[in-house]
Amino acid sequence: EYGTWGGEFRAEFVPVAGEVVASEH
């Protein structure tokens, strides 16, 4: 769910600068 903890990246997997997050499927 958007805006909730469950809809966030697990902390260790948060993208770093230069990494690409594609639009959601």
PDB file of all heavy atoms in Angstrom:
ATOM      1  N   GLU A   1       0.823  -1.206   0.000  1.00  0.00           N
ATOM      2  CA  GLU A   1       0.000   0.000   0.000  1.00  0.00           C
ATOM      3  C   GLU A   1       0.860   1.260   0.000  1.00  0.00           C
ATOM      4  O   GLU A   1       1.771   1.417   0.809  1.00  0.00           O
ATOM      5  CB  GLU A   1      -0.934   0.012   1.208  1.00  0.00           C
ATOM      6  CG  GLU A   1      -1.915   1.162   1.203  1.00  0.00           C
ATOM      7  CD  GLU A   1      -2.980   1.038   2.281  1.00  0.00           C
ATOM      8  OE1 GLU A   1      -2.917   0.083   3.076  1.00  0.00           O
ATOM      9  OE2 GLU A   1      -3.863   1.910   2.325  1.00  0.00           O
ATOM     10  N   TYR A   2       0.566   2.140  -0.939  1.00  0.00           N
ATOM     11  CA  TYR A   2       1.311   3.382  -1.085  1.00  0.00           C
ATOM     12  C   TYR A   2       1.219   4.205   0.197  1.00  0.00           C
ATOM     13  O   TYR A   2       0.165   4.343   0.804  1.00  0.00           O
ATOM     14  CB  TYR A   2       0.749   4.185  -2.256  1.00  0.00           C
ATOM     15  CG  TYR A   2       1.500   5.454  -2.543  1.00  0.00           C
ATOM     16  CD1 TYR A   2       2.691   5.429  -3.265  1.00  0.00           C
ATOM     17  CD2 TYR A   2       1.031   6.675  -2.087  1.00  0.00           C
ATOM     18  CE1 TYR A   2       3.399   6.595  -3.532  1.00  0.00           C
ATOM     19  CE2 TYR A   2       1.722   7.853  -2.354  1.00  0.00           C
ATOM     20  CZ  TYR A   2       2.910   7.803  -3.061  1.00  0.00           C
ATOM     21  OH  TYR A   2       3.603   8.958  -3.310  1.00  0.00           O
ATOM     22  N   GLY A   3       2.361   4.733   0.643  1.00  0.00           N
ATOM     23  CA  GLY A   3       2.382   5.571   1.835  1.00  0.00           C
ATOM     24  C   GLY A   3       2.488   4.811   3.134  1.00  0.00           C
ATOM     25  O   GLY A   3       2.475   5.416   4.203  1.00  0.00           O
ATOM     26  N   THR A   4       2.583   3.480   3.054  1.00  0.00           N
ATOM     27  CA  THR A   4       2.724   2.676   4.268  1.00  0.00           C
ATOM     28  C   THR A   4       4.081   1.979   4.271  1.00  0.00           C
ATOM     29  O   THR A   4       4.755   1.868   3.237  1.00  0.00           O
ATOM     30  CB  THR A   4       1.629   1.596   4.364  1.00  0.00           C
ATOM     31  OG1 THR A   4       1.857   0.584   3.356  1.00  0.00           O
ATOM     32  CG2 THR A   4       0.241   2.198   4.163  1.00  0.00           C
ATOM     33  N   TRP A   5       4.480   1.483   5.446  1.00  0.00           N
ATOM     34  CA  TRP A   5       5.746   0.767   5.591  1.00  0.00           C
ATOM     35  C   TRP A   5       5.813  -0.430   4.660  1.00  0.00           C
ATOM     36  O   TRP A   5       6.852  -0.704   4.055  1.00  0.00           O
ATOM     37  CB  TRP A   5       5.886   0.321   7.044  1.00  0.00           C
ATOM     38  CG  TRP A   5       7.034  -0.594   7.327  1.00  0.00           C
ATOM     39  CD1 TRP A   5       8.333  -0.244   7.574  1.00  0.00           C
ATOM     40  CD2 TRP A   5       6.983  -2.026   7.394  1.00  0.00           C
ATOM     41  NE1 TRP A   5       9.104  -1.366   7.795  1.00  0.00           N
ATOM     42  CE2 TRP A   5       8.294  -2.471   7.692  1.00  0.00           C
ATOM     43  CE3 TRP A   5       5.963  -2.973   7.241  1.00  0.00           C
ATOM     44  CZ2 TRP A   5       8.609  -3.822   7.833  1.00  0.00           C
ATOM     45  CZ3 TRP A   5       6.275  -4.312   7.380  1.00  0.00           C
ATOM     46  CH2 TRP A   5       7.588  -4.728   7.671  1.00  0.00           C
ATOM     47  N   GLY A   6       4.699  -1.155   4.500  1.00  0.00           N
ATOM     48  CA  GLY A   6       4.684  -2.343   3.657  1.00  0.00           C
ATOM     49  C   GLY A   6       4.973  -2.044   2.203  1.00  0.00           C
ATOM     50  O   GLY A   6       5.489  -2.898   1.480  1.00  0.00           O
ATOM     51  N   GLY A   7       4.654  -0.840   1.764  1.00  0.00           N
ATOM     52  CA  GLY A   7       4.882  -0.438   0.383  1.00  0.00           C
ATOM     53  C   GLY A   7       6.209   0.257   0.154  1.00  0.00           C
ATOM     54  O   GLY A   7       6.425   0.835  -0.916  1.00  0.00           O
ATOM     55  N   GLU A   8       7.100   0.180   1.147  1.00  0.00           N
ATOM     56  CA  GLU A   8       8.434   0.765   1.002  1.00  0.00           C
ATOM     57  C   GLU A   8       9.461  -0.328   0.722  1.00  0.00           C
ATOM     58  O   GLU A   8       9.265  -1.499   1.076  1.00  0.00           O
ATOM     59  CB  GLU A   8       8.832   1.505   2.281  1.00  0.00           C
ATOM     60  CG  GLU A   8       7.965   2.721   2.595  1.00  0.00           C
ATOM     61  CD  GLU A   8       8.310   3.334   3.944  1.00  0.00           C
ATOM     62  OE1 GLU A   8       9.159   2.752   4.666  1.00  0.00           O
ATOM     63  OE2 GLU A   8       7.731   4.379   4.272  1.00  0.00           O
ATOM     64  N   PHE A   9      10.573   0.061   0.111  1.00  0.00           N
ATOM     65  CA  PHE A   9      11.703  -0.849  -0.035  1.00  0.00           C
ATOM     66  C   PHE A   9      12.157  -1.302   1.355  1.00  0.00           C
ATOM     67  O   PHE A   9      12.224  -0.480   2.275  1.00  0.00           O
ATOM     68  CB  PHE A   9      12.894  -0.139  -0.687  1.00  0.00           C
ATOM     69  CG  PHE A   9      12.782   0.106  -2.155  1.00  0.00           C
ATOM     70  CD1 PHE A   9      12.006   1.144  -2.654  1.00  0.00           C
ATOM     71  CD2 PHE A   9      13.487  -0.685  -3.050  1.00  0.00           C
ATOM     72  CE1 PHE A   9      11.932   1.390  -4.012  1.00  0.00           C
ATOM     73  CE2 PHE A   9      13.425  -0.451  -4.417  1.00  0.00           C
ATOM     74  CZ  PHE A   9      12.639   0.578  -4.895  1.00  0.00           C
ATOM     75  N   ARG A  10      12.485  -2.585   1.494  1.00  0.00           N
ATOM     76  CA  ARG A  10      13.182  -2.990   2.705  1.00  0.00           C
ATOM     77  C   ARG A  10      14.471  -2.168   2.773  1.00  0.00           C
ATOM     78  O   ARG A  10      15.136  -1.946   1.747  1.00  0.00           O
ATOM     79  CB  ARG A  10      13.485  -4.481   2.674  1.00  0.00           C
ATOM     80  CG  ARG A  10      14.280  -4.946   3.872  1.00  0.00           C
ATOM     81  CD  ARG A  10      14.251  -6.440   4.011  1.00  0.00           C
ATOM     82  NE  ARG A  10      15.284  -6.909   4.930  1.00  0.00           N
ATOM     83  CZ  ARG A  10      15.197  -7.999   5.669  1.00  0.00           C
ATOM     84  NH1 ARG A  10      14.104  -8.756   5.591  1.00  0.00           N
ATOM     85  NH2 ARG A  10      16.171  -8.358   6.470  1.00  0.00           N
ATOM     86  N   ALA A  11      14.836  -1.723   3.971  1.00  0.00           N
ATOM     87  CA  ALA A  11      15.894  -0.724   4.142  1.00  0.00           C
ATOM     88  C   ALA A  11      17.185  -1.076   3.420  1.00  0.00           C
ATOM     89  O   ALA A  11      17.822  -0.214   2.802  1.00  0.00           O
ATOM     90  CB  ALA A  11      16.165  -0.506   5.633  1.00  0.00           C
ATOM     91  N   GLU A  12      17.589  -2.350   3.475  1.00  0.00           N
ATOM     92  CA  GLU A  12      18.858  -2.745   2.876  1.00  0.00           C
ATOM     93  C   GLU A  12      18.855  -2.692   1.349  1.00  0.00           C
ATOM     94  O   GLU A  12      19.913  -2.765   0.723  1.00  0.00           O
ATOM     95  CB  GLU A  12      19.246  -4.164   3.301  1.00  0.00           C
ATOM     96  CG  GLU A  12      19.368  -4.368   4.794  1.00  0.00           C
ATOM     97  CD  GLU A  12      18.088  -4.909   5.406  1.00  0.00           C
ATOM     98  OE1 GLU A  12      16.997  -4.423   5.024  1.00  0.00           O
ATOM     99  OE2 GLU A  12      18.182  -5.826   6.238  1.00  0.00           O
ATOM    100  N   PHE A  13      17.664  -2.576   0.767  1.00  0.00           N
ATOM    101  CA  PHE A  13      17.540  -2.602  -0.693  1.00  0.00           C
ATOM    102  C   PHE A  13      17.212  -1.248  -1.297  1.00  0.00           C
ATOM    103  O   PHE A  13      16.965  -1.156  -2.505  1.00  0.00           O
ATOM    104  CB  PHE A  13      16.475  -3.619  -1.110  1.00  0.00           C
ATOM    105  CG  PHE A  13      16.845  -5.036  -0.807  1.00  0.00           C
ATOM    106  CD1 PHE A  13      16.498  -5.609   0.404  1.00  0.00           C
ATOM    107  CD2 PHE A  13      17.558  -5.800  -1.722  1.00  0.00           C
ATOM    108  CE1 PHE A  13      16.849  -6.922   0.708  1.00  0.00           C
ATOM    109  CE2 PHE A  13      17.916  -7.109  -1.426  1.00  0.00           C
ATOM    110  CZ  PHE A  13      17.561  -7.674  -0.213  1.00  0.00           C
ATOM    111  N   VAL A  14      17.207  -0.212  -0.497  1.00  0.00           N
ATOM    112  CA  VAL A  14      16.907   1.121  -1.036  1.00  0.00           C
ATOM    113  C   VAL A  14      17.939   1.467  -2.105  1.00  0.00           C
ATOM    114  O   VAL A  14      19.143   1.341  -1.880  1.00  0.00           O
ATOM    115  CB  VAL A  14      16.920   2.173   0.085  1.00  0.00           C
ATOM    116  CG1 VAL A  14      16.822   3.580  -0.497  1.00  0.00           C
ATOM    117  CG2 VAL A  14      15.773   1.928   1.055  1.00  0.00           C
ATOM    118  N   PRO A  15      17.488   1.870  -3.287  1.00  0.00           N
ATOM    119  CA  PRO A  15      18.434   2.198  -4.366  1.00  0.00           C
ATOM    120  C   PRO A  15      19.379   3.322  -3.971  1.00  0.00           C
ATOM    121  O   PRO A  15      19.009   4.236  -3.223  1.00  0.00           O
ATOM    122  CB  PRO A  15      17.511   2.630  -5.509  1.00  0.00           C
ATOM    123  CG  PRO A  15      16.197   1.981  -5.213  1.00  0.00           C
ATOM    124  CD  PRO A  15      16.083   1.975  -3.717  1.00  0.00           C
ATOM    125  N   VAL A  16      20.596   3.240  -4.487  1.00  0.00           N
ATOM    126  CA  VAL A  16      21.573   4.306  -4.270  1.00  0.00           C
ATOM    127  C   VAL A  16      21.672   5.138  -5.535  1.00  0.00           C
ATOM    128  O   VAL A  16      21.098   4.794  -6.579  1.00  0.00           O
ATOM    129  CB  VAL A  16      22.954   3.722  -3.884  1.00  0.00           C
ATOM    130  CG1 VAL A  16      22.845   2.887  -2.611  1.00  0.00           C
ATOM    131  CG2 VAL A  16      23.542   2.886  -5.014  1.00  0.00           C
ATOM    132  N   ALA A  17      22.378   6.233  -5.446  1.00  0.00           N
ATOM    133  CA  ALA A  17      22.499   7.158  -6.577  1.00  0.00           C
ATOM    134  C   ALA A  17      22.980   6.421  -7.827  1.00  0.00           C
ATOM    135  O   ALA A  17      23.920   5.632  -7.765  1.00  0.00           O
ATOM    136  CB  ALA A  17      23.457   8.280  -6.227  1.00  0.00           C
ATOM    137  N   GLY A  18      22.300   6.677  -8.935  1.00  0.00           N
ATOM    138  CA  GLY A  18      22.683   6.082 -10.209  1.00  0.00           C
ATOM    139  C   GLY A  18      21.933   4.806 -10.543  1.00  0.00           C
ATOM    140  O   GLY A  18      21.977   4.345 -11.689  1.00  0.00           O
ATOM    141  N   GLU A  19      21.258   4.208  -9.561  1.00  0.00           N
ATOM    142  CA  GLU A  19      20.485   2.997  -9.832  1.00  0.00           C
ATOM    143  C   GLU A  19      19.097   3.374 -10.334  1.00  0.00           C
ATOM    144  O   GLU A  19      18.551   4.422  -9.965  1.00  0.00           O
ATOM    145  CB  GLU A  19      20.418   2.126  -8.580  1.00  0.00           C
ATOM    146  CG  GLU A  19      21.811   1.625  -8.184  1.00  0.00           C
ATOM    147  CD  GLU A  19      21.836   0.772  -6.927  1.00  0.00           C
ATOM    148  OE1 GLU A  19      20.829   0.728  -6.197  1.00  0.00           O
ATOM    149  OE2 GLU A  19      22.894   0.153  -6.674  1.00  0.00           O
ATOM    150  N   VAL A  20      18.526   2.526 -11.166  1.00  0.00           N
ATOM    151  CA  VAL A  20      17.294   2.854 -11.886  1.00  0.00           C
ATOM    152  C   VAL A  20      16.107   2.097 -11.317  1.00  0.00           C
ATOM    153  O   VAL A  20      16.143   0.867 -11.185  1.00  0.00           O
ATOM    154  CB  VAL A  20      17.438   2.518 -13.386  1.00  0.00           C
ATOM    155  CG1 VAL A  20      16.122   2.766 -14.123  1.00  0.00           C
ATOM    156  CG2 VAL A  20      18.565   3.336 -14.009  1.00  0.00           C
ATOM    157  N   VAL A  21      15.051   2.827 -10.986  1.00  0.00           N
ATOM    158  CA  VAL A  21      13.788   2.214 -10.560  1.00  0.00           C
ATOM    159  C   VAL A  21      12.795   2.388 -11.705  1.00  0.00           C
ATOM    160  O   VAL A  21      12.383   3.508 -12.019  1.00  0.00           O
ATOM    161  CB  VAL A  21      13.239   2.858  -9.277  1.00  0.00           C
ATOM    162  CG1 VAL A  21      11.937   2.176  -8.860  1.00  0.00           C
ATOM    163  CG2 VAL A  21      14.266   2.788  -8.151  1.00  0.00           C
ATOM    164  N   ALA A  22      12.438   1.287 -12.342  1.00  0.00           N
ATOM    165  CA  ALA A  22      11.485   1.342 -13.463  1.00  0.00           C
ATOM    166  C   ALA A  22      10.099   1.686 -12.954  1.00  0.00           C
ATOM    167  O   ALA A  22       9.792   1.543 -11.759  1.00  0.00           O
ATOM    168  CB  ALA A  22      11.462   0.003 -14.196  1.00  0.00           C
ATOM    169  N   SER A  23       9.239   2.130 -13.850  1.00  0.00           N
ATOM    170  CA  SER A  23       7.857   2.391 -13.462  1.00  0.00           C
ATOM    171  C   SER A  23       7.194   1.102 -12.995  1.00  0.00           C
ATOM    172  O   SER A  23       7.563   0.011 -13.431  1.00  0.00           O
ATOM    173  CB  SER A  23       7.083   3.019 -14.629  1.00  0.00           C
ATOM    174  OG  SER A  23       7.205   2.250 -15.805  1.00  0.00           O
ATOM    175  N   GLU A  24       6.249   1.211 -12.091  1.00  0.00           N
ATOM    176  CA  GLU A  24       5.664   0.041 -11.431  1.00  0.00           C
ATOM    177  C   GLU A  24       4.832  -0.807 -12.393  1.00  0.00           C
ATOM    178  O   GLU A  24       4.087  -0.279 -13.227  1.00  0.00           O
ATOM    179  CB  GLU A  24       4.787   0.501 -10.267  1.00  0.00           C
ATOM    180  CG  GLU A  24       5.582   1.218  -9.176  1.00  0.00           C
ATOM    181  CD  GLU A  24       4.698   1.814  -8.095  1.00  0.00           C
ATOM    182  OE1 GLU A  24       3.453   1.675  -8.180  1.00  0.00           O
ATOM    183  OE2 GLU A  24       5.254   2.421  -7.161  1.00  0.00           O
ATOM    184  N   HIS A  25       4.966  -2.138 -12.265  1.00  0.00           N
ATOM    185  CA  HIS A  25       4.176  -3.043 -13.095  1.00  0.00           C
ATOM    186  C   HIS A  25       2.864  -3.392 -12.391  1.00  0.00           C
ATOM    187  O   HIS A  25       2.821  -3.611 -11.192  1.00  0.00           O
ATOM    188  CB  HIS A  25       4.953  -4.312 -13.455  1.00  0.00           C
ATOM    189  CG  HIS A  25       5.608  -5.023 -12.317  1.00  0.00           C
ATOM    190  ND1 HIS A  25       6.862  -4.699 -11.849  1.00  0.00           N
ATOM    191  CD2 HIS A  25       5.183  -6.070 -11.555  1.00  0.00           C
ATOM    192  CE1 HIS A  25       7.187  -5.507 -10.853  1.00  0.00           C
ATOM    193  NE2 HIS A  25       6.183  -6.337 -10.645  1.00  0.00           N
TER     194      HIS A  25
END
